[in-house]
């Protein structure tokens, strides 16, 4: 397929674009930074990183949320590397203390993986 993939237009092709941003607030004492987007072909593996600006990421829980257009966000990873019931094992969460970052890796990329992805870092469980 030669189609371009635009999440906003709902066009689906053989290459997927994953969009993601940050959850933060004006009161936050740290910032979580993610690249603007990542793309991959069907069946490939993509990794989304989330860099914490201060405070050891290993001392906090990391959560990853997936949001399809027009729907509410749902958790795909909680407490760093755990998957809620029903989330495929293609979704993998990990922590890298040396770079103070967390990663969400999606293997065997599928059309339904096209979505916004958000990371959250919390000092207490939120699920």
PDB file of N, CA and C in Angstrom:
ATOM      1  N   UNK A   1       0.834  -1.188   0.000  1.00  0.00           N
ATOM      2  CA  UNK A   1       0.000   0.000   0.000  1.00  0.00           C
ATOM      3  C   UNK A   1       0.877   1.250   0.000  1.00  0.00           C
ATOM      4  N   UNK A   2       0.456   2.252  -0.756  1.00  0.00           N
ATOM      5  CA  UNK A   2       1.198   3.509  -0.812  1.00  0.00           C
ATOM      6  C   UNK A   2       0.526   4.584   0.032  1.00  0.00           C
ATOM      7  N   UNK A   3      -0.528   4.202   0.757  1.00  0.00           N
ATOM      8  CA  UNK A   3      -1.221   5.184   1.584  1.00  0.00           C
ATOM      9  C   UNK A   3      -0.320   5.717   2.670  1.00  0.00           C
ATOM     10  N   UNK A   4      -0.451   7.004   2.921  1.00  0.00           N
ATOM     11  CA  UNK A   4       0.161   7.586   4.115  1.00  0.00           C
ATOM     12  C   UNK A   4      -0.781   7.353   5.288  1.00  0.00           C
ATOM     13  N   UNK A   5      -0.205   7.299   6.466  1.00  0.00           N
ATOM     14  CA  UNK A   5      -1.017   7.066   7.656  1.00  0.00           C
ATOM     15  C   UNK A   5      -1.156   8.370   8.427  1.00  0.00           C
ATOM     16  N   UNK A   6      -2.377   8.839   8.550  1.00  0.00           N
ATOM     17  CA  UNK A   6      -2.662  10.035   9.332  1.00  0.00           C
ATOM     18  C   UNK A   6      -3.709   9.660  10.367  1.00  0.00           C
ATOM     19  N   UNK A   7      -3.310   9.662  11.597  1.00  0.00           N
ATOM     20  CA  UNK A   7      -4.235   9.270  12.662  1.00  0.00           C
ATOM     21  C   UNK A   7      -5.471  10.160  12.673  1.00  0.00           C
ATOM     22  N   UNK A   8      -5.279  11.456  12.458  1.00  0.00           N
ATOM     23  CA  UNK A   8      -6.391  12.402  12.556  1.00  0.00           C
ATOM     24  C   UNK A   8      -7.458  12.123  11.493  1.00  0.00           C
ATOM     25  N   UNK A   9      -7.012  11.648  10.330  1.00  0.00           N
ATOM     26  CA  UNK A   9      -7.953  11.405   9.238  1.00  0.00           C
ATOM     27  C   UNK A   9      -8.496   9.984   9.245  1.00  0.00           C
ATOM     28  N   UNK A  10      -7.964   9.163  10.110  1.00  0.00           N
ATOM     29  CA  UNK A  10      -8.437   7.796  10.203  1.00  0.00           C
ATOM     30  C   UNK A  10      -8.020   6.925   9.039  1.00  0.00           C
ATOM     31  N   UNK A  11      -6.971   7.323   8.324  1.00  0.00           N
ATOM     32  CA  UNK A  11      -6.495   6.535   7.188  1.00  0.00           C
ATOM     33  C   UNK A  11      -5.540   5.468   7.697  1.00  0.00           C
ATOM     34  N   UNK A  12      -5.717   4.249   7.238  1.00  0.00           N
ATOM     35  CA  UNK A  12      -4.865   3.151   7.681  1.00  0.00           C
ATOM     36  C   UNK A  12      -4.155   2.558   6.476  1.00  0.00           C
ATOM     37  N   UNK A  13      -2.857   2.381   6.592  1.00  0.00           N
ATOM     38  CA  UNK A  13      -2.081   1.768   5.529  1.00  0.00           C
ATOM     39  C   UNK A  13      -1.175   0.701   6.079  1.00  0.00           C
ATOM     40  N   UNK A  14      -0.132   0.382   5.338  1.00  0.00           N
ATOM     41  CA  UNK A  14       0.762  -0.692   5.758  1.00  0.00           C
ATOM     42  C   UNK A  14       1.832  -0.198   6.720  1.00  0.00           C
ATOM     43  N   UNK A  15       1.937   1.109   6.889  1.00  0.00           N
ATOM     44  CA  UNK A  15       2.876   1.691   7.842  1.00  0.00           C
ATOM     45  C   UNK A  15       2.075   2.453   8.883  1.00  0.00           C
ATOM     46  N   UNK A  16       2.454   2.287  10.146  1.00  0.00           N
ATOM     47  CA  UNK A  16       1.697   2.907  11.233  1.00  0.00           C
ATOM     48  C   UNK A  16       2.471   4.065  11.835  1.00  0.00           C
ATOM     49  N   UNK A  17       1.752   5.083  12.236  1.00  0.00           N
ATOM     50  CA  UNK A  17       2.352   6.199  12.943  1.00  0.00           C
ATOM     51  C   UNK A  17       1.758   6.231  14.342  1.00  0.00           C
ATOM     52  N   UNK A  18       2.627   6.217  15.347  1.00  0.00           N
ATOM     53  CA  UNK A  18       2.176   6.291  16.728  1.00  0.00           C
ATOM     54  C   UNK A  18       2.504   7.684  17.247  1.00  0.00           C
ATOM     55  N   UNK A  19       1.510   8.354  17.785  1.00  0.00           N
ATOM     56  CA  UNK A  19       1.708   9.693  18.311  1.00  0.00           C
ATOM     57  C   UNK A  19       1.645   9.651  19.827  1.00  0.00           C
ATOM     58  N   UNK A  20       2.463  10.444  20.462  1.00  0.00           N
ATOM     59  CA  UNK A  20       2.420  10.425  21.911  1.00  0.00           C
ATOM     60  C   UNK A  20       2.914  11.743  22.479  1.00  0.00           C
ATOM     61  N   UNK A  21       2.483  12.016  23.688  1.00  0.00           N
ATOM     62  CA  UNK A  21       2.841  13.270  24.339  1.00  0.00           C
ATOM     63  C   UNK A  21       2.982  13.017  25.824  1.00  0.00           C
ATOM     64  N   UNK A  22       3.009  14.077  26.627  1.00  0.00           N
ATOM     65  CA  UNK A  22       3.319  13.908  28.044  1.00  0.00           C
ATOM     66  C   UNK A  22       2.143  14.273  28.926  1.00  0.00           C
ATOM     67  N   UNK A  23       2.098  13.663  30.084  1.00  0.00           N
ATOM     68  CA  UNK A  23       1.167  14.053  31.132  1.00  0.00           C
ATOM     69  C   UNK A  23       1.963  14.840  32.172  1.00  0.00           C
ATOM     70  N   UNK A  24       1.624  16.075  32.350  1.00  0.00           N
ATOM     71  CA  UNK A  24       2.317  16.886  33.341  1.00  0.00           C
ATOM     72  C   UNK A  24       1.376  17.996  33.790  1.00  0.00           C
ATOM     73  N   UNK A  25       1.790  18.799  34.727  1.00  0.00           N
ATOM     74  CA  UNK A  25       0.958  19.899  35.201  1.00  0.00           C
ATOM     75  C   UNK A  25       1.822  21.047  35.663  1.00  0.00           C
ATOM     76  N   UNK A  26       1.200  22.187  35.885  1.00  0.00           N
ATOM     77  CA  UNK A  26       1.969  23.374  36.260  1.00  0.00           C
ATOM     78  C   UNK A  26       2.630  23.208  37.621  1.00  0.00           C
ATOM     79  N   UNK A  27       2.117  22.255  38.427  1.00  0.00           N
ATOM     80  CA  UNK A  27       2.684  22.042  39.756  1.00  0.00           C
ATOM     81  C   UNK A  27       3.834  21.042  39.745  1.00  0.00           C
ATOM     82  N   UNK A  28       4.093  20.428  38.610  1.00  0.00           N
ATOM     83  CA  UNK A  28       5.071  19.343  38.546  1.00  0.00           C
ATOM     84  C   UNK A  28       6.479  19.845  38.842  1.00  0.00           C
ATOM     85  N   UNK A  29       7.239  19.045  39.587  1.00  0.00           N
ATOM     86  CA  UNK A  29       8.627  19.367  39.885  1.00  0.00           C
ATOM     87  C   UNK A  29       9.567  18.639  38.930  1.00  0.00           C
ATOM     88  N   UNK A  30       9.011  17.940  37.982  1.00  0.00           N
ATOM     89  CA  UNK A  30       9.798  17.228  36.984  1.00  0.00           C
ATOM     90  C   UNK A  30       9.032  17.234  35.670  1.00  0.00           C
ATOM     91  N   UNK A  31       9.741  16.931  34.607  1.00  0.00           N
ATOM     92  CA  UNK A  31       9.130  16.868  33.280  1.00  0.00           C
ATOM     93  C   UNK A  31       9.411  15.495  32.691  1.00  0.00           C
ATOM     94  N   UNK A  32       8.419  14.928  32.027  1.00  0.00           N
ATOM     95  CA  UNK A  32       8.591  13.687  31.282  1.00  0.00           C
ATOM     96  C   UNK A  32       8.649  14.045  29.808  1.00  0.00           C
ATOM     97  N   UNK A  33       9.742  13.663  29.154  1.00  0.00           N
ATOM     98  CA  UNK A  33       9.957  14.047  27.763  1.00  0.00           C
ATOM     99  C   UNK A  33       9.888  12.830  26.857  1.00  0.00           C
ATOM    100  N   UNK A  34       9.110  12.941  25.793  1.00  0.00           N
ATOM    101  CA  UNK A  34       9.004  11.898  24.783  1.00  0.00           C
ATOM    102  C   UNK A  34       9.210  12.530  23.409  1.00  0.00           C
ATOM    103  N   UNK A  35       9.773  11.790  22.457  1.00  0.00           N
ATOM    104  CA  UNK A  35       9.823  12.298  21.076  1.00  0.00           C
ATOM    105  C   UNK A  35       8.403  12.522  20.554  1.00  0.00           C
ATOM    106  N   UNK A  36       8.288  13.296  19.475  1.00  0.00           N
ATOM    107  CA  UNK A  36       6.966  13.648  18.965  1.00  0.00           C
ATOM    108  C   UNK A  36       6.206  12.468  18.387  1.00  0.00           C
ATOM    109  N   UNK A  37       6.899  11.591  17.684  1.00  0.00           N
ATOM    110  CA  UNK A  37       6.209  10.478  17.044  1.00  0.00           C
ATOM    111  C   UNK A  37       7.195   9.374  16.722  1.00  0.00           C
ATOM    112  N   UNK A  38       6.645   8.207  16.481  1.00  0.00           N
ATOM    113  CA  UNK A  38       7.441   7.073  16.030  1.00  0.00           C
ATOM    114  C   UNK A  38       6.572   6.284  15.070  1.00  0.00           C
ATOM    115  N   UNK A  39       7.178   5.714  14.052  1.00  0.00           N
ATOM    116  CA  UNK A  39       6.400   4.957  13.081  1.00  0.00           C
ATOM    117  C   UNK A  39       7.052   3.609  12.845  1.00  0.00           C
ATOM    118  N   UNK A  40       6.279   2.685  12.322  1.00  0.00           N
ATOM    119  CA  UNK A  40       6.808   1.363  12.022  1.00  0.00           C
ATOM    120  C   UNK A  40       5.912   0.642  11.050  1.00  0.00           C
ATOM    121  N   UNK A  41       6.452  -0.339  10.374  1.00  0.00           N
ATOM    122  CA  UNK A  41       5.673  -1.154   9.454  1.00  0.00           C
ATOM    123  C   UNK A  41       4.926  -2.234  10.216  1.00  0.00           C
ATOM    124  N   UNK A  42       3.866  -2.720   9.625  1.00  0.00           N
ATOM    125  CA  UNK A  42       3.131  -3.826  10.219  1.00  0.00           C
ATOM    126  C   UNK A  42       4.075  -4.985  10.490  1.00  0.00           C
ATOM    127  N   UNK A  43       3.974  -5.550  11.690  1.00  0.00           N
ATOM    128  CA  UNK A  43       4.813  -6.679  12.063  1.00  0.00           C
ATOM    129  C   UNK A  43       6.153  -6.305  12.654  1.00  0.00           C
ATOM    130  N   UNK A  44       6.493  -5.013  12.611  1.00  0.00           N
ATOM    131  CA  UNK A  44       7.792  -4.580  13.134  1.00  0.00           C
ATOM    132  C   UNK A  44       7.702  -4.285  14.626  1.00  0.00           C
ATOM    133  N   UNK A  45       8.815  -3.870  15.203  1.00  0.00           N
ATOM    134  CA  UNK A  45       8.899  -3.516  16.620  1.00  0.00           C
ATOM    135  C   UNK A  45       9.226  -2.036  16.749  1.00  0.00           C
ATOM    136  N   UNK A  46       8.515  -1.335  17.616  1.00  0.00           N
ATOM    137  CA  UNK A  46       8.809   0.071  17.891  1.00  0.00           C
ATOM    138  C   UNK A  46       8.966   0.262  19.392  1.00  0.00           C
ATOM    139  N   UNK A  47       9.770   1.243  19.763  1.00  0.00           N
ATOM    140  CA  UNK A  47       9.979   1.572  21.173  1.00  0.00           C
ATOM    141  C   UNK A  47       9.759   3.062  21.384  1.00  0.00           C
ATOM    142  N   UNK A  48       8.967   3.383  22.379  1.00  0.00           N
ATOM    143  CA  UNK A  48       8.697   4.760  22.776  1.00  0.00           C
ATOM    144  C   UNK A  48       9.397   4.995  24.109  1.00  0.00           C
ATOM    145  N   UNK A  49      10.176   6.052  24.202  1.00  0.00           N
ATOM    146  CA  UNK A  49      10.905   6.335  25.436  1.00  0.00           C
ATOM    147  C   UNK A  49      10.284   7.520  26.172  1.00  0.00           C
ATOM    148  N   UNK A  50      10.506   7.544  27.460  1.00  0.00           N
ATOM    149  CA  UNK A  50       9.979   8.594  28.337  1.00  0.00           C
ATOM    150  C   UNK A  50      11.082   8.939  29.330  1.00  0.00           C
ATOM    151  N   UNK A  51      11.663  10.119  29.183  1.00  0.00           N
ATOM    152  CA  UNK A  51      12.796  10.552  30.002  1.00  0.00           C
ATOM    153  C   UNK A  51      12.310  11.421  31.153  1.00  0.00           C
ATOM    154  N   UNK A  52      12.688  11.061  32.370  1.00  0.00           N
ATOM    155  CA  UNK A  52      12.330  11.854  33.555  1.00  0.00           C
ATOM    156  C   UNK A  52      13.446  12.851  33.837  1.00  0.00           C
ATOM    157  N   UNK A  53      13.092  14.139  34.026  1.00  0.00           N
ATOM    158  CA  UNK A  53      14.090  15.198  34.147  1.00  0.00           C
ATOM    159  C   UNK A  53      14.808  15.196  35.489  1.00  0.00           C
ATOM    160  N   UNK A  54      14.130  14.788  36.557  1.00  0.00           N
ATOM    161  CA  UNK A  54      14.761  14.790  37.877  1.00  0.00           C
ATOM    162  C   UNK A  54      14.100  13.740  38.755  1.00  0.00           C
ATOM    163  N   UNK A  55      14.825  13.300  39.770  1.00  0.00           N
ATOM    164  CA  UNK A  55      14.339  12.224  40.619  1.00  0.00           C
ATOM    165  C   UNK A  55      14.547  10.893  39.921  1.00  0.00           C
ATOM    166  N   UNK A  56      15.096   9.930  40.604  1.00  0.00           N
ATOM    167  CA  UNK A  56      15.391   8.635  39.995  1.00  0.00           C
ATOM    168  C   UNK A  56      14.113   7.942  39.553  1.00  0.00           C
ATOM    169  N   UNK A  57      14.028   7.613  38.266  1.00  0.00           N
ATOM    170  CA  UNK A  57      12.819   6.989  37.738  1.00  0.00           C
ATOM    171  C   UNK A  57      12.540   5.649  38.403  1.00  0.00           C
ATOM    172  N   UNK A  58      13.589   5.008  38.903  1.00  0.00           N
ATOM    173  CA  UNK A  58      13.421   3.731  39.576  1.00  0.00           C
ATOM    174  C   UNK A  58      12.689   3.831  40.902  1.00  0.00           C
ATOM    175  N   UNK A  59      12.561   5.047  41.427  1.00  0.00           N
ATOM    176  CA  UNK A  59      11.861   5.259  42.697  1.00  0.00           C
ATOM    177  C   UNK A  59      10.373   5.543  42.514  1.00  0.00           C
ATOM    178  N   UNK A  60       9.910   5.511  41.274  1.00  0.00           N
ATOM    179  CA  UNK A  60       8.525   5.856  40.971  1.00  0.00           C
ATOM    180  C   UNK A  60       7.906   4.783  40.083  1.00  0.00           C
ATOM    181  N   UNK A  61       6.596   4.693  40.128  1.00  0.00           N
ATOM    182  CA  UNK A  61       5.877   3.811  39.217  1.00  0.00           C
ATOM    183  C   UNK A  61       5.713   4.506  37.867  1.00  0.00           C
ATOM    184  N   UNK A  62       5.885   3.755  36.799  1.00  0.00           N
ATOM    185  CA  UNK A  62       5.650   4.286  35.456  1.00  0.00           C
ATOM    186  C   UNK A  62       4.434   3.587  34.859  1.00  0.00           C
ATOM    187  N   UNK A  63       3.575   4.385  34.260  1.00  0.00           N
ATOM    188  CA  UNK A  63       2.364   3.897  33.609  1.00  0.00           C
ATOM    189  C   UNK A  63       2.377   4.344  32.155  1.00  0.00           C
ATOM    190  N   UNK A  64       1.845   3.519  31.285  1.00  0.00           N
ATOM    191  CA  UNK A  64       1.691   3.859  29.876  1.00  0.00           C
ATOM    192  C   UNK A  64       0.217   3.725  29.501  1.00  0.00           C
ATOM    193  N   UNK A  65      -0.285   4.745  28.793  1.00  0.00           N
ATOM    194  CA  UNK A  65      -1.680   4.757  28.379  1.00  0.00           C
ATOM    195  C   UNK A  65      -1.762   4.842  26.861  1.00  0.00           C
ATOM    196  N   UNK A  66      -2.763   4.166  26.319  1.00  0.00           N
ATOM    197  CA  UNK A  66      -3.050   4.190  24.886  1.00  0.00           C
ATOM    198  C   UNK A  66      -4.390   4.893  24.699  1.00  0.00           C
ATOM    199  N   UNK A  67      -4.445   5.810  23.735  1.00  0.00           N
ATOM    200  CA  UNK A  67      -5.700   6.505  23.461  1.00  0.00           C
ATOM    201  C   UNK A  67      -5.986   6.498  21.968  1.00  0.00           C
ATOM    202  N   UNK A  68      -7.029   5.797  21.584  1.00  0.00           N
ATOM    203  CA  UNK A  68      -7.479   5.824  20.200  1.00  0.00           C
ATOM    204  C   UNK A  68      -8.339   7.065  19.984  1.00  0.00           C
ATOM    205  N   UNK A  69      -8.365   7.537  18.753  1.00  0.00           N
ATOM    206  CA  UNK A  69      -9.109   8.750  18.418  1.00  0.00           C
ATOM    207  C   UNK A  69     -10.569   8.612  18.853  1.00  0.00           C
ATOM    208  N   UNK A  70     -11.053   9.596  19.605  1.00  0.00           N
ATOM    209  CA  UNK A  70     -12.440   9.607  20.039  1.00  0.00           C
ATOM    210  C   UNK A  70     -12.734   8.776  21.267  1.00  0.00           C
ATOM    211  N   UNK A  71     -11.717   8.145  21.838  1.00  0.00           N
ATOM    212  CA  UNK A  71     -11.910   7.294  23.017  1.00  0.00           C
ATOM    213  C   UNK A  71     -11.099   7.810  24.195  1.00  0.00           C
ATOM    214  N   UNK A  72     -11.425   7.339  25.377  1.00  0.00           N
ATOM    215  CA  UNK A  72     -10.666   7.689  26.577  1.00  0.00           C
ATOM    216  C   UNK A  72      -9.382   6.873  26.644  1.00  0.00           C
ATOM    217  N   UNK A  73      -8.350   7.393  27.316  1.00  0.00           N
ATOM    218  CA  UNK A  73      -7.108   6.618  27.474  1.00  0.00           C
ATOM    219  C   UNK A  73      -7.349   5.371  28.320  1.00  0.00           C
ATOM    220  N   UNK A  74      -6.648   4.303  27.982  1.00  0.00           N
ATOM    221  CA  UNK A  74      -6.667   3.084  28.789  1.00  0.00           C
ATOM    222  C   UNK A  74      -5.230   2.649  29.045  1.00  0.00           C
ATOM    223  N   UNK A  75      -4.988   2.095  30.208  1.00  0.00           N
ATOM    224  CA  UNK A  75      -3.636   1.670  30.571  1.00  0.00           C
ATOM    225  C   UNK A  75      -3.243   0.418  29.792  1.00  0.00           C
ATOM    226  N   UNK A  76      -2.022   0.430  29.264  1.00  0.00           N
ATOM    227  CA  UNK A  76      -1.468  -0.778  28.641  1.00  0.00           C
ATOM    228  C   UNK A  76      -0.324  -1.338  29.479  1.00  0.00           C
ATOM    229  N   UNK A  77       0.275  -0.485  30.325  1.00  0.00           N
ATOM    230  CA  UNK A  77       1.322  -0.908  31.264  1.00  0.00           C
ATOM    231  C   UNK A  77       1.101  -0.162  32.574  1.00  0.00           C
ATOM    232  N   UNK A  78       1.225  -0.879  33.694  1.00  0.00           N
ATOM    233  CA  UNK A  78       1.173  -0.225  34.999  1.00  0.00           C
ATOM    234  C   UNK A  78       2.311  -0.737  35.870  1.00  0.00           C
ATOM    235  N   UNK A  79       2.711   0.090  36.827  1.00  0.00           N
ATOM    236  CA  UNK A  79       3.814  -0.252  37.739  1.00  0.00           C
ATOM    237  C   UNK A  79       5.027  -0.791  36.969  1.00  0.00           C
ATOM    238  N   UNK A  80       5.463  -0.012  36.000  1.00  0.00           N
ATOM    239  CA  UNK A  80       6.688  -0.218  35.210  1.00  0.00           C
ATOM    240  C   UNK A  80       6.564  -1.248  34.100  1.00  0.00           C
ATOM    241  N   UNK A  81       6.098  -2.461  34.425  1.00  0.00           N
ATOM    242  CA  UNK A  81       6.179  -3.545  33.439  1.00  0.00           C
ATOM    243  C   UNK A  81       5.018  -4.533  33.494  1.00  0.00           C
ATOM    244  N   UNK A  82       3.961  -4.167  34.212  1.00  0.00           N
ATOM    245  CA  UNK A  82       2.817  -5.075  34.336  1.00  0.00           C
ATOM    246  C   UNK A  82       1.749  -4.721  33.302  1.00  0.00           C
ATOM    247  N   UNK A  83       1.081  -5.735  32.766  1.00  0.00           N
ATOM    248  CA  UNK A  83       0.024  -5.538  31.785  1.00  0.00           C
ATOM    249  C   UNK A  83      -1.349  -5.798  32.410  1.00  0.00           C
ATOM    250  N   UNK A  84      -2.282  -4.867  32.241  1.00  0.00           N
ATOM    251  CA  UNK A  84      -3.649  -5.147  32.687  1.00  0.00           C
ATOM    252  C   UNK A  84      -4.230  -6.326  31.911  1.00  0.00           C
ATOM    253  N   UNK A  85      -5.219  -6.958  32.481  1.00  0.00           N
ATOM    254  CA  UNK A  85      -5.890  -8.068  31.817  1.00  0.00           C
ATOM    255  C   UNK A  85      -6.398  -7.631  30.448  1.00  0.00           C
ATOM    256  N   UNK A  86      -6.159  -8.446  29.446  1.00  0.00           N
ATOM    257  CA  UNK A  86      -6.636  -8.149  28.103  1.00  0.00           C
ATOM    258  C   UNK A  86      -5.641  -7.442  27.215  1.00  0.00           C
ATOM    259  N   UNK A  87      -4.551  -6.927  27.783  1.00  0.00           N
ATOM    260  CA  UNK A  87      -3.523  -6.263  26.977  1.00  0.00           C
ATOM    261  C   UNK A  87      -2.571  -7.332  26.434  1.00  0.00           C
ATOM    262  N   UNK A  88      -2.340  -7.354  25.126  1.00  0.00           N
ATOM    263  CA  UNK A  88      -1.486  -8.398  24.543  1.00  0.00           C
ATOM    264  C   UNK A  88      -0.057  -8.340  25.075  1.00  0.00           C
ATOM    265  N   UNK A  89       0.604  -9.491  25.090  1.00  0.00           N
ATOM    266  CA  UNK A  89       1.992  -9.525  25.569  1.00  0.00           C
ATOM    267  C   UNK A  89       2.956  -8.925  24.558  1.00  0.00           C
ATOM    268  N   UNK A  90       2.428  -8.373  23.463  1.00  0.00           N
ATOM    269  CA  UNK A  90       3.250  -7.607  22.522  1.00  0.00           C
ATOM    270  C   UNK A  90       3.665  -6.268  23.128  1.00  0.00           C
ATOM    271  N   UNK A  91       2.983  -5.848  24.194  1.00  0.00           N
ATOM    272  CA  UNK A  91       3.278  -4.587  24.875  1.00  0.00           C
ATOM    273  C   UNK A  91       4.189  -4.866  26.063  1.00  0.00           C
ATOM    274  N   UNK A  92       5.367  -4.256  26.053  1.00  0.00           N
ATOM    275  CA  UNK A  92       6.377  -4.506  27.078  1.00  0.00           C
ATOM    276  C   UNK A  92       6.840  -3.189  27.686  1.00  0.00           C
ATOM    277  N   UNK A  93       6.822  -3.106  29.006  1.00  0.00           N
ATOM    278  CA  UNK A  93       7.321  -1.930  29.700  1.00  0.00           C
ATOM    279  C   UNK A  93       8.640  -2.219  30.373  1.00  0.00           C
ATOM    280  N   UNK A  94       9.537  -1.240  30.379  1.00  0.00           N
ATOM    281  CA  UNK A  94      10.839  -1.426  31.025  1.00  0.00           C
ATOM    282  C   UNK A  94      11.347  -0.096  31.561  1.00  0.00           C
ATOM    283  N   UNK A  95      12.314  -0.203  32.481  1.00  0.00           N
ATOM    284  CA  UNK A  95      12.945   0.956  33.112  1.00  0.00           C
ATOM    285  C   UNK A  95      14.447   0.868  32.875  1.00  0.00           C
ATOM    286  N   UNK A  96      15.063   2.009  32.557  1.00  0.00           N
ATOM    287  CA  UNK A  96      16.519   2.078  32.412  1.00  0.00           C
ATOM    288  C   UNK A  96      17.030   3.152  33.365  1.00  0.00           C
ATOM    289  N   UNK A  97      17.510   2.727  34.525  1.00  0.00           N
ATOM    290  CA  UNK A  97      17.963   3.685  35.540  1.00  0.00           C
ATOM    291  C   UNK A  97      19.159   4.494  35.070  1.00  0.00           C
ATOM    292  N   UNK A  98      20.003   3.916  34.219  1.00  0.00           N
ATOM    293  CA  UNK A  98      21.211   4.619  33.773  1.00  0.00           C
ATOM    294  C   UNK A  98      20.875   5.855  32.941  1.00  0.00           C
ATOM    295  N   UNK A  99      19.767   5.815  32.208  1.00  0.00           N
ATOM    296  CA  UNK A  99      19.349   6.982  31.422  1.00  0.00           C
ATOM    297  C   UNK A  99      18.148   7.690  32.049  1.00  0.00           C
ATOM    298  N   UNK A 100      17.717   7.200  33.218  1.00  0.00           N
ATOM    299  CA  UNK A 100      16.567   7.753  33.935  1.00  0.00           C
ATOM    300  C   UNK A 100      15.338   7.828  33.034  1.00  0.00           C
ATOM    301  N   UNK A 101      15.102   6.729  32.316  1.00  0.00           N
ATOM    302  CA  UNK A 101      13.996   6.707  31.367  1.00  0.00           C
ATOM    303  C   UNK A 101      13.220   5.401  31.448  1.00  0.00           C
ATOM    304  N   UNK A 102      12.022   5.454  30.922  1.00  0.00           N
ATOM    305  CA  UNK A 102      11.181   4.269  30.783  1.00  0.00           C
ATOM    306  C   UNK A 102      10.906   4.068  29.302  1.00  0.00           C
ATOM    307  N   UNK A 103      10.602   2.842  28.935  1.00  0.00           N
ATOM    308  CA  UNK A 103      10.307   2.540  27.539  1.00  0.00           C
ATOM    309  C   UNK A 103       9.070   1.673  27.427  1.00  0.00           C
ATOM    310  N   UNK A 104       8.312   1.918  26.376  1.00  0.00           N
ATOM    311  CA  UNK A 104       7.221   1.041  25.969  1.00  0.00           C
ATOM    312  C   UNK A 104       7.607   0.459  24.624  1.00  0.00           C
ATOM    313  N   UNK A 105       7.752  -0.850  24.575  1.00  0.00           N
ATOM    314  CA  UNK A 105       8.073  -1.537  23.328  1.00  0.00           C
ATOM    315  C   UNK A 105       6.842  -2.294  22.856  1.00  0.00           C
ATOM    316  N   UNK A 106       6.520  -2.124  21.575  1.00  0.00           N
ATOM    317  CA  UNK A 106       5.402  -2.844  20.965  1.00  0.00           C
ATOM    318  C   UNK A 106       5.976  -3.720  19.866  1.00  0.00           C
ATOM    319  N   UNK A 107       5.828  -5.021  20.014  1.00  0.00           N
ATOM    320  CA  UNK A 107       6.321  -5.956  19.003  1.00  0.00           C
ATOM    321  C   UNK A 107       5.173  -6.355  18.072  1.00  0.00           C
ATOM    322  N   UNK A 108       5.531  -6.906  16.916  1.00  0.00           N
ATOM    323  CA  UNK A 108       4.538  -7.384  15.942  1.00  0.00           C
ATOM    324  C   UNK A 108       3.441  -6.339  15.744  1.00  0.00           C
ATOM    325  N   UNK A 109       3.845  -5.142  15.346  1.00  0.00           N
ATOM    326  CA  UNK A 109       2.956  -3.984  15.245  1.00  0.00           C
ATOM    327  C   UNK A 109       1.713  -4.297  14.410  1.00  0.00           C
ATOM    328  N   UNK A 110       0.553  -3.932  14.949  1.00  0.00           N
ATOM    329  CA  UNK A 110      -0.724  -4.182  14.291  1.00  0.00           C
ATOM    330  C   UNK A 110      -1.447  -2.867  14.017  1.00  0.00           C
ATOM    331  N   UNK A 111      -2.405  -2.913  13.087  1.00  0.00           N
ATOM    332  CA  UNK A 111      -3.154  -1.709  12.733  1.00  0.00           C
ATOM    333  C   UNK A 111      -3.804  -1.084  13.961  1.00  0.00           C
ATOM    334  N   UNK A 112      -4.321  -1.926  14.854  1.00  0.00           N
ATOM    335  CA  UNK A 112      -5.027  -1.407  16.028  1.00  0.00           C
ATOM    336  C   UNK A 112      -4.101  -0.731  17.034  1.00  0.00           C
ATOM    337  N   UNK A 113      -2.785  -0.823  16.824  1.00  0.00           N
ATOM    338  CA  UNK A 113      -1.836  -0.158  17.724  1.00  0.00           C
ATOM    339  C   UNK A 113      -1.694   1.325  17.408  1.00  0.00           C
ATOM    340  N   UNK A 114      -2.231   1.758  16.278  1.00  0.00           N
ATOM    341  CA  UNK A 114      -2.146   3.167  15.904  1.00  0.00           C
ATOM    342  C   UNK A 114      -2.963   3.993  16.893  1.00  0.00           C
ATOM    343  N   UNK A 115      -2.286   4.868  17.634  1.00  0.00           N
ATOM    344  CA  UNK A 115      -2.943   5.587  18.727  1.00  0.00           C
ATOM    345  C   UNK A 115      -2.000   6.625  19.299  1.00  0.00           C
ATOM    346  N   UNK A 116      -2.505   7.410  20.249  1.00  0.00           N
ATOM    347  CA  UNK A 116      -1.666   8.265  21.086  1.00  0.00           C
ATOM    348  C   UNK A 116      -1.209   7.429  22.273  1.00  0.00           C
ATOM    349  N   UNK A 117       0.039   7.629  22.706  1.00  0.00           N
ATOM    350  CA  UNK A 117       0.571   6.936  23.873  1.00  0.00           C
ATOM    351  C   UNK A 117       1.116   7.959  24.858  1.00  0.00           C
ATOM    352  N   UNK A 118       0.756   7.807  26.119  1.00  0.00           N
ATOM    353  CA  UNK A 118       1.154   8.732  27.173  1.00  0.00           C
ATOM    354  C   UNK A 118       1.894   7.979  28.272  1.00  0.00           C
ATOM    355  N   UNK A 119       2.948   8.578  28.780  1.00  0.00           N
ATOM    356  CA  UNK A 119       3.602   8.006  29.953  1.00  0.00           C
ATOM    357  C   UNK A 119       3.242   8.838  31.180  1.00  0.00           C
ATOM    358  N   UNK A 120       3.249   8.180  32.317  1.00  0.00           N
ATOM    359  CA  UNK A 120       2.998   8.831  33.604  1.00  0.00           C
ATOM    360  C   UNK A 120       3.981   8.261  34.611  1.00  0.00           C
ATOM    361  N   UNK A 121       4.530   9.105  35.461  1.00  0.00           N
ATOM    362  CA  UNK A 121       5.430   8.670  36.523  1.00  0.00           C
ATOM    363  C   UNK A 121       4.836   9.124  37.845  1.00  0.00           C
ATOM    364  N   UNK A 122       4.618   8.172  38.743  1.00  0.00           N
ATOM    365  CA  UNK A 122       3.903   8.468  39.982  1.00  0.00           C
ATOM    366  C   UNK A 122       4.589   7.816  41.168  1.00  0.00           C
ATOM    367  N   UNK A 123       4.558   8.495  42.309  1.00  0.00           N
ATOM    368  CA  UNK A 123       5.180   7.946  43.514  1.00  0.00           C
ATOM    369  C   UNK A 123       4.267   6.975  44.239  1.00  0.00           C
ATOM    370  N   UNK A 124       3.052   6.791  43.751  1.00  0.00           N
ATOM    371  CA  UNK A 124       2.118   5.852  44.373  1.00  0.00           C
ATOM    372  C   UNK A 124       1.282   5.191  43.273  1.00  0.00           C
ATOM    373  N   UNK A 125       0.768   4.003  43.531  1.00  0.00           N
ATOM    374  CA  UNK A 125      -0.040   3.317  42.514  1.00  0.00           C
ATOM    375  C   UNK A 125      -1.272   4.133  42.141  1.00  0.00           C
ATOM    376  N   UNK A 126      -1.579   4.191  40.845  1.00  0.00           N
ATOM    377  CA  UNK A 126      -2.746   4.945  40.381  1.00  0.00           C
ATOM    378  C   UNK A 126      -3.792   4.043  39.749  1.00  0.00           C
ATOM    379  N   UNK A 127      -3.531   2.763  39.667  1.00  0.00           N
ATOM    380  CA  UNK A 127      -4.525   1.816  39.133  1.00  0.00           C
ATOM    381  C   UNK A 127      -4.915   0.838  40.217  1.00  0.00           C
TER     382      UNK A 127
END
